[in-house]
Amino acid sequence: PMVRGWASSPSMARSVAVLAVALLLVACETAVPVEAKGKGSKGKRKTHLGGVDKEYYKLRDECTGGCTGGSDVQKENCVLLCVSPECYEKIYGSDPLEEGELDTTRGRLFRTCVRTKDKRKATQQEL
């Protein structure tokens, strides 16, 4: 025996399902996003760049102006050398970047070297 209810026919059930989906979409469109707060963040938005990274990218920007002409790889080698000759020699000295090469591992090692060097310099200045 068929139970008679408010959505007993297939077309009525389909209409109810379409209406439910439409209401859900409207609710999602009008929902106000809430910014998640971590422990002790006091609502401040954090960027992925720390103070030392900001210094690194500031140095890169300053060096970029002095490294003109040549290919993109030649400019990149020039910028890296300008940012930190010590770290450039340590990471790229024996094998500079070549045309078409993308070496994210050495890029990360270079940034780490620069950050470490900058932290040491800041610590020495505090003493």
Protein backbone atom coordinates (compact mmCIF):
# COMPACT_ATOMS: atom_id res chain seq x y z
CA PRO A 1 0.00 0.00 0.00
CA MET A 2 1.19 3.46 -0.88
CA VAL A 3 1.41 5.94 1.96
CA ARG A 4 -0.19 9.22 1.05
CA GLY A 5 1.69 12.25 2.20
CA TRP A 6 2.68 15.70 1.12
CA ALA A 7 5.29 14.34 -1.35
CA SER A 8 3.70 11.10 -2.39
CA SER A 9 3.95 11.59 -6.14
CA PRO A 10 7.33 11.48 -7.92
CA SER A 11 6.79 14.90 -9.52
CA MET A 12 5.93 16.44 -6.16
CA ALA A 13 9.05 14.86 -4.55
CA ARG A 14 11.19 16.21 -7.39
CA SER A 15 9.71 19.69 -6.97
CA VAL A 16 10.42 19.61 -3.24
CA ALA A 17 14.02 18.49 -3.89
CA VAL A 18 14.57 21.28 -6.45
CA LEU A 19 13.12 23.83 -4.02
CA ALA A 20 15.38 22.56 -1.21
CA VAL A 21 18.48 22.82 -3.41
CA ALA A 22 17.48 26.33 -4.54
CA LEU A 23 16.99 27.45 -0.92
CA LEU A 24 20.37 25.96 0.02
CA LEU A 25 22.07 27.84 -2.83
CA VAL A 26 20.43 31.11 -1.81
CA ALA A 27 21.52 30.55 1.79
CA CYS A 28 25.11 29.92 0.68
CA GLU A 29 25.17 33.02 -1.54
CA THR A 30 23.90 35.31 1.20
CA ALA A 31 26.00 33.89 4.04
CA VAL A 32 28.40 36.41 5.55
CA PRO A 33 31.98 35.10 5.68
CA VAL A 34 33.48 35.03 9.15
CA GLU A 35 37.23 35.44 9.60
CA ALA A 36 38.65 32.67 11.71
CA LYS A 37 40.70 33.73 14.67
CA GLY A 38 43.51 31.66 16.07
CA LYS A 39 44.47 31.58 19.72
CA GLY A 40 45.57 35.01 20.79
CA SER A 41 45.38 36.48 17.28
CA LYS A 42 43.00 39.26 18.44
CA GLY A 43 41.52 39.35 14.96
CA LYS A 44 44.68 40.51 13.25
CA ARG A 45 45.31 39.05 9.86
CA LYS A 46 48.65 37.37 9.59
CA THR A 47 50.68 37.36 6.42
CA HIS A 48 52.97 34.53 5.42
CA LEU A 49 55.91 36.92 5.33
CA GLY A 50 57.70 37.44 8.59
CA GLY A 51 59.93 40.44 9.30
CA VAL A 52 63.03 38.69 7.97
CA ASP A 53 61.25 37.63 4.77
CA LYS A 54 60.06 41.20 4.24
CA GLU A 55 63.67 42.30 4.49
CA TYR A 56 64.68 39.64 1.96
CA TYR A 57 62.07 40.76 -0.57
CA LYS A 58 62.91 44.42 0.06
CA LEU A 59 66.56 43.61 -0.75
CA ARG A 60 65.45 41.76 -3.90
CA ASP A 61 63.44 44.77 -5.02
CA GLU A 62 66.37 47.09 -4.44
CA CYS A 63 68.74 44.79 -6.33
CA THR A 64 66.36 44.25 -9.24
CA GLY A 65 66.75 47.89 -10.33
CA GLY A 66 70.50 47.44 -10.72
CA CYS A 67 70.28 44.21 -12.68
CA THR A 68 69.16 45.15 -16.16
CA GLY A 69 69.92 43.70 -19.56
CA GLY A 70 70.54 40.10 -20.47
CA SER A 71 68.20 37.17 -20.12
CA ASP A 72 65.83 36.57 -17.20
CA VAL A 73 68.23 33.97 -15.78
CA GLN A 74 71.17 36.39 -16.01
CA LYS A 75 69.07 39.01 -14.19
CA GLU A 76 68.07 36.47 -11.53
CA ASN A 77 71.71 35.46 -10.95
CA CYS A 78 72.60 39.16 -10.69
CA VAL A 79 69.80 39.81 -8.16
CA LEU A 80 70.78 36.80 -6.03
CA LEU A 81 74.42 37.85 -6.06
CA CYS A 82 73.42 41.40 -5.06
CA VAL A 83 71.14 40.21 -2.22
CA SER A 84 73.90 38.13 -0.62
CA PRO A 85 77.25 37.45 -2.27
CA GLU A 86 78.10 35.07 0.61
CA CYS A 87 74.93 32.98 0.21
CA TYR A 88 75.11 33.11 -3.60
CA GLU A 89 78.63 31.68 -3.51
CA LYS A 90 77.57 29.00 -1.02
CA ILE A 91 74.43 27.88 -2.91
CA TYR A 92 75.00 28.78 -6.59
CA GLY A 93 78.74 29.54 -6.82
CA SER A 94 79.86 26.32 -8.47
CA ASP A 95 76.65 25.87 -10.53
CA PRO A 96 74.76 29.11 -11.38
CA LEU A 97 71.20 28.99 -12.69
CA GLU A 98 71.04 28.16 -16.39
CA GLU A 99 68.52 29.13 -19.06
CA GLY A 100 65.20 27.36 -18.51
CA GLU A 101 66.21 26.03 -15.08
CA LEU A 102 63.81 26.35 -12.16
CA ASP A 103 65.48 25.15 -8.98
CA THR A 104 63.08 25.60 -6.09
CA THR A 105 65.25 23.60 -3.70
CA ARG A 106 68.27 25.87 -4.13
CA GLY A 107 65.96 28.92 -4.03
CA ARG A 108 64.68 27.79 -0.63
CA LEU A 109 68.23 27.10 0.58
CA PHE A 110 69.29 30.57 -0.58
CA ARG A 111 66.42 32.30 1.27
CA THR A 112 67.20 30.26 4.39
CA CYS A 113 70.87 31.26 4.15
CA VAL A 114 69.93 34.96 3.82
CA ARG A 115 67.47 34.76 6.74
CA THR A 116 70.05 33.02 8.95
CA LYS A 117 72.69 35.57 8.03
CA ASP A 118 70.29 38.45 8.73
CA LYS A 119 69.26 36.97 12.07
CA ARG A 120 72.90 36.61 13.09
CA LYS A 121 73.57 40.20 12.04
CA ALA A 122 70.55 41.47 14.05
CA THR A 123 71.65 39.47 17.12
CA GLN A 124 75.15 40.92 16.91
CA GLN A 125 73.78 44.45 16.63
CA GLU A 126 71.71 43.93 19.80
CA LEU A 127 74.81 43.02 21.80
